[in-house]
Each structure stands twice: as structure tokens, then as C-alpha cells.
Amino acid sequence: MAEPLLLLRCAVFGASGGIGRALAEALAARGDVAEVHVGSRGGQAPSGGKMRPFAFDLADEGSIAAACTRIGAPLDMVLIATGRLTRADGTGPEKSYRALSGEGMAELLAMNTIGPALIAKHALPLLRRDGRAVFAAISARVGSISDNRLGGWHAYRASKAALNMVVKNLALELARTHPQAVAVTLHPGTVDTALSAPFQRGVTEGKLFTPTFSAQALLGVLGGLTPADSGGLYAWDGARIPF
């Protein structure tokens, strides 16, 4: 008798944004997925069918812990699609060091680095130990220190570089308890969302992706990674981006 198909349980934090929603919808459309827990600040992420909406606040660890308790174990995949390029008041990103401010840097570090790290704190214990498990956070190519040739965007670059390091640390630690797990950061390309809208003018033709295209590409990349790839930053086309 054939073994029953393992139906996956997934969670997407930040499912109200363009990429997060597309990731959730792509997962829900898969036959090997049983349920997708979809989180947003107001709990207004997609619902119905396999979708299980939940609310969380990236700046409130208690809400993250409560959400993870509600989701429960085991989880086969945790995706973090949160992120901020500009401050809440719309200013930024900085074009010069002259525009730097402590408040601005703290705000982006809180959203792009600390928040995802706290999600990991409470979500990683839910990952399946007896099989393959995936933890991935949306980062950016501009978070690569060695790939930085233009400068600027100080707080955003620094927060994404820090996120890459956090996930590298998580990968090393996770390998000790979850030998089949993969933990990575992902560069989705330039995606046609509200976050990138003010900065699309110089995008090369054919390189402005729909959220659906980017989500499908990223899930394809994740599907091909092994524990030996854990800790890296990968682009939408599968290329590994050096830190």
C-alpha cells in the first residue's frame, strides 16, 4: 500500500502585502498543502478554503507569540514577507549620509530585522523535526555588502544586511535540532507593489515582476534548496547572492 501524501502546513507572516498575498495564494493552490496560516496586522489577510487568517503586530512580541501558539505545530514552511523601505511618515530612503537619523534607522531595523527575528524566535520551535522544513524571509539584493556599488539607502541596506546575518545564525543553530531544515533569505526581484512604486522608473524592461510571478519563482527556488544551502541569500532566479 502506498504511503499517504504528507499534506503541508504553512504560515505566511505579512500576507496582506503584494508578495505575501501572492505567496499565500500560490501555496493554497498546491495539492500538497493542507492549510496556510496567513497573518497581517489587522488579521485581514486572504481567507477561505485552505486559508487561516491571524493577526500579529511586528512591533509586539506578545502578539507574535500568541499567533504562533494559535497556529501550533508542526509547520512545514514559515515565510516572512514583511518589510519597509521608507519610514511610516513616508520619508526616505536616504540618498546621502546627511539624511541619516537615529530614529529613522531604529524604525527600519525594528521592521526589517528585529520583527522577523522575533517571529523566528516563536515560529522555529513549530517546525517539523521528522522531515524537511523551510524558514525563509524576504530580504533584498541591496542588503548584500559585497554587491553594494551605489551606496545610499543606508537604513534599508543596513536592516536587510542585518536580516541576512540573523537568518545565517538561525540556519547554523537550526541544523543542530532540525537536520533536514532550510533557513534562507530571498531576493524577490523588483516587484510591482506599493513598496517599489516610487522607484520603478529606472527598472530595466522585463525586470518589473508581478507579485504572482515573483511568488511562484521564490517557491520554486525554495523547492530546490537542500540543508547544504541553508543560511544563504537567494534571488528569484535561484542565484546565490554573496553577503
C-alpha atoms as a PDB file:
ATOM      1  CA  MET A   1       0.000   0.000   0.000  1.00  0.00           C
ATOM      2  CA  ALA A   2       1.343   3.431  -0.936  1.00  0.00           C
ATOM      3  CA  GLU A   3       2.125   5.786   1.906  1.00  0.00           C
ATOM      4  CA  PRO A   4      -0.377   8.654   2.276  1.00  0.00           C
ATOM      5  CA  LEU A   5       0.686  12.018   0.858  1.00  0.00           C
ATOM      6  CA  LEU A   6       2.025  14.343   3.534  1.00  0.00           C
ATOM      7  CA  LEU A   7      -0.087  17.487   3.385  1.00  0.00           C
ATOM      8  CA  LEU A   8       1.907  20.526   4.370  1.00  0.00           C
ATOM      9  CA  ARG A   9       1.060  23.160   6.958  1.00  0.00           C
ATOM     10  CA  CYS A  10       2.453  26.595   6.109  1.00  0.00           C
ATOM     11  CA  ALA A  11       2.458  30.068   7.654  1.00  0.00           C
ATOM     12  CA  VAL A  12       2.941  33.392   5.887  1.00  0.00           C
ATOM     13  CA  PHE A  13       3.633  36.466   8.006  1.00  0.00           C
ATOM     14  CA  GLY A  14       2.824  39.636   6.082  1.00  0.00           C
ATOM     15  CA  ALA A  15       0.137  38.141   3.857  1.00  0.00           C
ATOM     16  CA  SER A  16      -1.678  41.426   3.263  1.00  0.00           C
ATOM     17  CA  GLY A  17       1.155  42.832   1.131  1.00  0.00           C
ATOM     18  CA  GLY A  18       1.645  42.140  -2.547  1.00  0.00           C
ATOM     19  CA  ILE A  19       4.311  39.438  -2.286  1.00  0.00           C
ATOM     20  CA  GLY A  20       2.910  37.916   0.901  1.00  0.00           C
ATOM     21  CA  ARG A  21      -0.576  37.603  -0.532  1.00  0.00           C
ATOM     22  CA  ALA A  22       0.788  36.051  -3.723  1.00  0.00           C
ATOM     23  CA  LEU A  23       2.842  33.556  -1.712  1.00  0.00           C
ATOM     24  CA  ALA A  24      -0.191  32.581   0.351  1.00  0.00           C
ATOM     25  CA  GLU A  25      -2.371  32.156  -2.721  1.00  0.00           C
ATOM     26  CA  ALA A  26       0.279  30.123  -4.527  1.00  0.00           C
ATOM     27  CA  LEU A  27       0.660  27.798  -1.540  1.00  0.00           C
ATOM     28  CA  ALA A  28      -3.096  27.404  -1.140  1.00  0.00           C
ATOM     29  CA  ALA A  29      -3.374  26.380  -4.790  1.00  0.00           C
ATOM     30  CA  ARG A  30      -0.961  23.468  -4.319  1.00  0.00           C
ATOM     31  CA  GLY A  31      -2.307  19.977  -3.926  1.00  0.00           C
ATOM     32  CA  ASP A  32       0.312  19.036  -1.332  1.00  0.00           C
ATOM     33  CA  VAL A  33      -0.705  21.856   1.037  1.00  0.00           C
ATOM     34  CA  ALA A  34      -3.423  21.285   3.643  1.00  0.00           C
ATOM     35  CA  GLU A  35      -3.599  24.739   5.210  1.00  0.00           C
ATOM     36  CA  VAL A  36      -1.934  28.136   5.005  1.00  0.00           C
ATOM     37  CA  HIS A  37      -1.953  30.355   8.072  1.00  0.00           C
ATOM     38  CA  VAL A  38      -1.907  33.922   6.776  1.00  0.00           C
ATOM     39  CA  GLY A  39      -1.017  36.785   9.087  1.00  0.00           C
ATOM     40  CA  SER A  40      -1.389  40.533   8.928  1.00  0.00           C
ATOM     41  CA  ARG A  41      -1.577  43.343  11.434  1.00  0.00           C
ATOM     42  CA  GLY A  42      -5.345  43.557  11.247  1.00  0.00           C
ATOM     43  CA  GLY A  43      -5.981  39.905  10.503  1.00  0.00           C
ATOM     44  CA  GLN A  44      -7.340  40.976   7.112  1.00  0.00           C
ATOM     45  CA  ALA A  45      -5.244  38.577   5.028  1.00  0.00           C
ATOM     46  CA  PRO A  46      -6.937  36.316   2.436  1.00  0.00           C
ATOM     47  CA  SER A  47      -9.400  33.838   3.906  1.00  0.00           C
ATOM     48  CA  GLY A  48     -11.479  30.887   2.826  1.00  0.00           C
ATOM     49  CA  GLY A  49     -10.583  27.430   1.645  1.00  0.00           C
ATOM     50  CA  LYS A  50      -7.174  26.486   2.998  1.00  0.00           C
ATOM     51  CA  MET A  51      -6.508  29.994   4.361  1.00  0.00           C
ATOM     52  CA  ARG A  52      -6.433  30.532   8.112  1.00  0.00           C
ATOM     53  CA  PRO A  53      -6.134  34.275   8.896  1.00  0.00           C
ATOM     54  CA  PHE A  54      -4.465  35.510  12.065  1.00  0.00           C
ATOM     55  CA  ALA A  55      -3.440  38.897  13.423  1.00  0.00           C
ATOM     56  CA  PHE A  56       0.007  39.913  14.647  1.00  0.00           C
ATOM     57  CA  ASP A  57       1.936  43.125  15.196  1.00  0.00           C
ATOM     58  CA  LEU A  58       5.548  43.076  14.048  1.00  0.00           C
ATOM     59  CA  ALA A  59       6.428  45.510  16.836  1.00  0.00           C
ATOM     60  CA  ASP A  60       4.696  43.484  19.573  1.00  0.00           C
ATOM     61  CA  GLU A  61       6.420  40.241  20.542  1.00  0.00           C
ATOM     62  CA  GLY A  62       3.454  39.191  22.634  1.00  0.00           C
ATOM     63  CA  SER A  63       1.181  39.213  19.596  1.00  0.00           C
ATOM     64  CA  ILE A  64       3.721  37.163  17.626  1.00  0.00           C
ATOM     65  CA  ALA A  65       3.967  34.602  20.422  1.00  0.00           C
ATOM     66  CA  ALA A  66       0.189  34.375  20.686  1.00  0.00           C
ATOM     67  CA  ALA A  67      -0.159  33.889  16.934  1.00  0.00           C
ATOM     68  CA  CYS A  68       2.391  31.072  16.908  1.00  0.00           C
ATOM     69  CA  THR A  69       0.668  29.379  19.832  1.00  0.00           C
ATOM     70  CA  ARG A  70      -2.588  29.543  17.916  1.00  0.00           C
ATOM     71  CA  ILE A  71      -1.016  28.130  14.731  1.00  0.00           C
ATOM     72  CA  GLY A  72       0.612  25.244  16.566  1.00  0.00           C
ATOM     73  CA  ALA A  73       2.996  22.538  15.423  1.00  0.00           C
ATOM     74  CA  PRO A  74       4.082  21.002  13.192  1.00  0.00           C
ATOM     75  CA  LEU A  75       4.786  23.566  10.494  1.00  0.00           C
ATOM     76  CA  ASP A  76       6.494  22.633   7.248  1.00  0.00           C
ATOM     77  CA  MET A  77       7.110  26.142   5.977  1.00  0.00           C
ATOM     78  CA  VAL A  78       7.318  29.618   7.528  1.00  0.00           C
ATOM     79  CA  LEU A  79       7.592  32.581   5.187  1.00  0.00           C
ATOM     80  CA  ILE A  80       8.143  36.164   6.333  1.00  0.00           C
ATOM     81  CA  ALA A  81       7.041  38.710   3.745  1.00  0.00           C
ATOM     82  CA  THR A  82       7.092  41.796   5.937  1.00  0.00           C
ATOM     83  CA  GLY A  83       9.295  44.809   5.253  1.00  0.00           C
ATOM     84  CA  ARG A  84       9.536  48.562   4.965  1.00  0.00           C
ATOM     85  CA  LEU A  85      11.606  50.722   2.631  1.00  0.00           C
ATOM     86  CA  THR A  86      10.541  54.145   3.887  1.00  0.00           C
ATOM     87  CA  ARG A  87       9.586  55.407   7.313  1.00  0.00           C
ATOM     88  CA  ALA A  88       5.976  55.418   8.461  1.00  0.00           C
ATOM     89  CA  ASP A  89       5.795  59.130   7.644  1.00  0.00           C
ATOM     90  CA  GLY A  90       6.859  58.425   4.050  1.00  0.00           C
ATOM     91  CA  THR A  91      10.371  59.870   4.280  1.00  0.00           C
ATOM     92  CA  GLY A  92      13.387  58.063   2.894  1.00  0.00           C
ATOM     93  CA  PRO A  93      15.225  56.097   1.753  1.00  0.00           C
ATOM     94  CA  GLU A  94      18.287  58.265   2.414  1.00  0.00           C
ATOM     95  CA  LYS A  95      20.284  59.311  -0.647  1.00  0.00           C
ATOM     96  CA  SER A  96      23.172  60.588   1.464  1.00  0.00           C
ATOM     97  CA  TYR A  97      24.626  60.164   4.941  1.00  0.00           C
ATOM     98  CA  ARG A  98      23.472  63.736   5.557  1.00  0.00           C
ATOM     99  CA  ALA A  99      19.892  62.433   5.743  1.00  0.00           C
ATOM    100  CA  LEU A 100      20.645  59.835   8.407  1.00  0.00           C
ATOM    101  CA  SER A 101      18.760  59.936  11.696  1.00  0.00           C
ATOM    102  CA  GLY A 102      18.797  57.637  14.680  1.00  0.00           C
ATOM    103  CA  GLU A 103      15.023  57.483  14.709  1.00  0.00           C
ATOM    104  CA  GLY A 104      14.872  56.528  11.042  1.00  0.00           C
ATOM    105  CA  MET A 105      17.446  53.791  11.378  1.00  0.00           C
ATOM    106  CA  ALA A 106      15.780  52.403  14.501  1.00  0.00           C
ATOM    107  CA  GLU A 107      12.406  52.315  12.756  1.00  0.00           C
ATOM    108  CA  LEU A 108      13.656  50.296   9.781  1.00  0.00           C
ATOM    109  CA  LEU A 109      15.749  47.971  11.921  1.00  0.00           C
ATOM    110  CA  ALA A 110      12.669  47.288  14.038  1.00  0.00           C
ATOM    111  CA  MET A 111      10.573  46.417  10.985  1.00  0.00           C
ATOM    112  CA  ASN A 112      13.122  44.682   8.750  1.00  0.00           C
ATOM    113  CA  THR A 113      15.380  42.930  11.264  1.00  0.00           C
ATOM    114  CA  ILE A 114      14.043  42.759  14.803  1.00  0.00           C
ATOM    115  CA  GLY A 115      10.471  41.854  13.877  1.00  0.00           C
ATOM    116  CA  PRO A 116      11.451  38.916  11.655  1.00  0.00           C
ATOM    117  CA  ALA A 117      13.942  37.753  14.307  1.00  0.00           C
ATOM    118  CA  LEU A 118      11.156  37.662  16.891  1.00  0.00           C
ATOM    119  CA  ILE A 119       8.924  35.739  14.501  1.00  0.00           C
ATOM    120  CA  ALA A 120      11.746  33.222  14.180  1.00  0.00           C
ATOM    121  CA  LYS A 121      12.053  33.004  17.970  1.00  0.00           C
ATOM    122  CA  HIS A 122       8.476  31.792  18.263  1.00  0.00           C
ATOM    123  CA  ALA A 123       7.958  30.040  14.908  1.00  0.00           C
ATOM    124  CA  LEU A 124      11.110  27.928  14.658  1.00  0.00           C
ATOM    125  CA  PRO A 125      10.070  25.647  17.548  1.00  0.00           C
ATOM    126  CA  LEU A 126       6.980  24.777  15.485  1.00  0.00           C
ATOM    127  CA  LEU A 127       8.970  23.455  12.523  1.00  0.00           C
ATOM    128  CA  ARG A 128       8.758  19.776  11.737  1.00  0.00           C
ATOM    129  CA  ARG A 129      11.724  17.786  13.082  1.00  0.00           C
ATOM    130  CA  ASP A 130      10.982  14.482  11.338  1.00  0.00           C
ATOM    131  CA  GLY A 131      11.225  15.792   7.782  1.00  0.00           C
ATOM    132  CA  ARG A 132      12.029  18.728   5.534  1.00  0.00           C
ATOM    133  CA  ALA A 133      11.124  22.154   6.890  1.00  0.00           C
ATOM    134  CA  VAL A 134      11.660  25.625   5.428  1.00  0.00           C
ATOM    135  CA  PHE A 135      12.079  29.033   7.041  1.00  0.00           C
ATOM    136  CA  ALA A 136      12.520  31.966   4.668  1.00  0.00           C
ATOM    137  CA  ALA A 137      12.385  35.747   4.954  1.00  0.00           C
ATOM    138  CA  ILE A 138      12.124  38.282   2.155  1.00  0.00           C
ATOM    139  CA  SER A 139      15.325  40.315   2.041  1.00  0.00           C
ATOM    140  CA  ALA A 140      16.831  42.301  -0.859  1.00  0.00           C
ATOM    141  CA  ARG A 141      19.871  42.320  -3.104  1.00  0.00           C
ATOM    142  CA  VAL A 142      20.747  45.750  -1.708  1.00  0.00           C
ATOM    143  CA  GLY A 143      21.304  44.016   1.633  1.00  0.00           C
ATOM    144  CA  SER A 144      24.425  42.392   0.198  1.00  0.00           C
ATOM    145  CA  ILE A 145      27.521  44.235   1.434  1.00  0.00           C
ATOM    146  CA  SER A 146      29.786  42.872  -1.299  1.00  0.00           C
ATOM    147  CA  ASP A 147      27.257  43.734  -4.038  1.00  0.00           C
ATOM    148  CA  ASN A 148      26.880  47.362  -2.921  1.00  0.00           C
ATOM    149  CA  ARG A 149      28.192  49.619  -5.688  1.00  0.00           C
ATOM    150  CA  LEU A 150      25.931  52.650  -5.422  1.00  0.00           C
ATOM    151  CA  GLY A 151      25.645  53.448  -1.703  1.00  0.00           C
ATOM    152  CA  GLY A 152      22.687  55.332  -0.277  1.00  0.00           C
ATOM    153  CA  TRP A 153      19.544  53.818   1.197  1.00  0.00           C
ATOM    154  CA  HIS A 154      21.530  53.497   4.410  1.00  0.00           C
ATOM    155  CA  ALA A 155      18.891  52.316   6.882  1.00  0.00           C
ATOM    156  CA  TYR A 156      17.219  49.934   4.443  1.00  0.00           C
ATOM    157  CA  ARG A 157      20.502  48.382   3.303  1.00  0.00           C
ATOM    158  CA  ALA A 158      21.732  48.022   6.879  1.00  0.00           C
ATOM    159  CA  SER A 159      18.480  46.469   8.092  1.00  0.00           C
ATOM    160  CA  LYS A 160      18.420  43.905   5.286  1.00  0.00           C
ATOM    161  CA  ALA A 161      22.124  43.084   5.743  1.00  0.00           C
ATOM    162  CA  ALA A 162      21.359  42.511   9.414  1.00  0.00           C
ATOM    163  CA  LEU A 163      18.407  40.303   8.493  1.00  0.00           C
ATOM    164  CA  ASN A 164      20.690  38.201   6.306  1.00  0.00           C
ATOM    165  CA  MET A 165      23.043  37.724   9.254  1.00  0.00           C
ATOM    166  CA  VAL A 166      20.211  36.829  11.620  1.00  0.00           C
ATOM    167  CA  VAL A 167      18.961  34.126   9.270  1.00  0.00           C
ATOM    168  CA  LYS A 168      22.508  32.829   8.754  1.00  0.00           C
ATOM    169  CA  ASN A 169      22.740  32.449  12.539  1.00  0.00           C
ATOM    170  CA  LEU A 170      19.349  30.749  12.644  1.00  0.00           C
ATOM    171  CA  ALA A 171      20.438  28.287   9.958  1.00  0.00           C
ATOM    172  CA  LEU A 172      23.502  27.254  11.930  1.00  0.00           C
ATOM    173  CA  GLU A 173      21.511  26.765  15.124  1.00  0.00           C
ATOM    174  CA  LEU A 174      18.588  25.062  13.397  1.00  0.00           C
ATOM    175  CA  ALA A 175      20.885  22.474  11.812  1.00  0.00           C
ATOM    176  CA  ARG A 176      21.629  21.070  15.260  1.00  0.00           C
ATOM    177  CA  THR A 177      17.996  20.249  16.003  1.00  0.00           C
ATOM    178  CA  HIS A 178      16.391  20.037  12.537  1.00  0.00           C
ATOM    179  CA  PRO A 179      18.916  18.347  10.228  1.00  0.00           C
ATOM    180  CA  GLN A 180      16.586  18.473   7.216  1.00  0.00           C
ATOM    181  CA  ALA A 181      15.643  22.138   7.630  1.00  0.00           C
ATOM    182  CA  VAL A 182      16.479  25.012   5.282  1.00  0.00           C
ATOM    183  CA  ALA A 183      16.639  28.630   6.519  1.00  0.00           C
ATOM    184  CA  VAL A 184      17.354  31.347   3.935  1.00  0.00           C
ATOM    185  CA  THR A 185      16.687  34.906   2.890  1.00  0.00           C
ATOM    186  CA  LEU A 186      15.225  35.696  -0.523  1.00  0.00           C
ATOM    187  CA  HIS A 187      15.549  38.500  -3.055  1.00  0.00           C
ATOM    188  CA  PRO A 188      12.215  38.664  -4.920  1.00  0.00           C
ATOM    189  CA  GLY A 189      13.403  40.994  -7.692  1.00  0.00           C
ATOM    190  CA  THR A 190      11.719  44.328  -8.276  1.00  0.00           C
ATOM    191  CA  VAL A 191       8.044  43.573  -7.759  1.00  0.00           C
ATOM    192  CA  ASP A 192       5.160  45.824  -8.747  1.00  0.00           C
ATOM    193  CA  THR A 193       3.924  46.647  -5.253  1.00  0.00           C
ATOM    194  CA  ALA A 194       3.274  49.781  -3.233  1.00  0.00           C
ATOM    195  CA  LEU A 195       6.734  49.447  -1.677  1.00  0.00           C
ATOM    196  CA  SER A 196       8.556  49.720  -5.019  1.00  0.00           C
ATOM    197  CA  ALA A 197       6.113  52.024  -6.818  1.00  0.00           C
ATOM    198  CA  PRO A 198       8.089  55.269  -6.264  1.00  0.00           C
ATOM    199  CA  PHE A 199      11.311  53.630  -7.520  1.00  0.00           C
ATOM    200  CA  GLN A 200      10.223  51.805 -10.677  1.00  0.00           C
ATOM    201  CA  ARG A 201      11.250  54.447 -13.210  1.00  0.00           C
ATOM    202  CA  GLY A 202      14.730  53.057 -13.795  1.00  0.00           C
ATOM    203  CA  VAL A 203      13.813  49.373 -13.811  1.00  0.00           C
ATOM    204  CA  THR A 204      15.023  47.530 -16.921  1.00  0.00           C
ATOM    205  CA  GLU A 205      12.250  46.411 -19.252  1.00  0.00           C
ATOM    206  CA  GLY A 206      11.096  42.930 -18.347  1.00  0.00           C
ATOM    207  CA  LYS A 207      12.530  43.146 -14.819  1.00  0.00           C
ATOM    208  CA  LEU A 208       9.458  44.555 -13.086  1.00  0.00           C
ATOM    209  CA  PHE A 209       7.677  41.439 -11.868  1.00  0.00           C
ATOM    210  CA  THR A 210       4.107  40.843 -10.855  1.00  0.00           C
ATOM    211  CA  PRO A 211       3.675  39.545  -7.313  1.00  0.00           C
ATOM    212  CA  THR A 212       2.353  36.275  -8.745  1.00  0.00           C
ATOM    213  CA  PHE A 213       5.438  35.741 -10.909  1.00  0.00           C
ATOM    214  CA  SER A 214       7.817  36.542  -8.056  1.00  0.00           C
ATOM    215  CA  ALA A 215       5.976  34.308  -5.582  1.00  0.00           C
ATOM    216  CA  GLN A 216       5.963  31.347  -7.947  1.00  0.00           C
ATOM    217  CA  ALA A 217       9.665  31.865  -8.685  1.00  0.00           C
ATOM    218  CA  LEU A 218      10.575  32.070  -4.995  1.00  0.00           C
ATOM    219  CA  LEU A 219       8.620  28.931  -4.133  1.00  0.00           C
ATOM    220  CA  GLY A 220      10.391  27.187  -6.988  1.00  0.00           C
ATOM    221  CA  VAL A 221      13.753  28.257  -5.572  1.00  0.00           C
ATOM    222  CA  LEU A 222      12.807  27.049  -2.096  1.00  0.00           C
ATOM    223  CA  GLY A 223      11.708  23.726  -3.520  1.00  0.00           C
ATOM    224  CA  GLY A 224      15.175  23.127  -4.915  1.00  0.00           C
ATOM    225  CA  LEU A 225      17.233  24.036  -1.853  1.00  0.00           C
ATOM    226  CA  THR A 226      18.823  21.488   0.447  1.00  0.00           C
ATOM    227  CA  PRO A 227      20.159  21.786   4.006  1.00  0.00           C
ATOM    228  CA  ALA A 228      23.592  22.407   2.463  1.00  0.00           C
ATOM    229  CA  ASP A 229      22.174  25.669   1.033  1.00  0.00           C
ATOM    230  CA  SER A 230      20.832  26.839   4.385  1.00  0.00           C
ATOM    231  CA  GLY A 231      21.956  30.262   5.564  1.00  0.00           C
ATOM    232  CA  GLY A 232      22.275  31.840   2.125  1.00  0.00           C
ATOM    233  CA  LEU A 233      20.606  34.723   0.300  1.00  0.00           C
ATOM    234  CA  TYR A 234      18.973  33.590  -2.941  1.00  0.00           C
ATOM    235  CA  ALA A 235      17.494  35.575  -5.809  1.00  0.00           C
ATOM    236  CA  TRP A 236      14.208  34.841  -7.548  1.00  0.00           C
ATOM    237  CA  ASP A 237      16.123  33.042 -10.331  1.00  0.00           C
ATOM    238  CA  GLY A 238      17.926  30.722  -7.924  1.00  0.00           C
ATOM    239  CA  ALA A 239      21.280  32.548  -7.991  1.00  0.00           C
ATOM    240  CA  ARG A 240      23.059  32.767  -4.655  1.00  0.00           C
ATOM    241  CA  ILE A 241      23.859  36.372  -3.772  1.00  0.00           C
ATOM    242  CA  PRO A 242      27.044  36.830  -1.718  1.00  0.00           C
ATOM    243  CA  PHE A 243      26.752  38.639   1.582  1.00  0.00           C
END
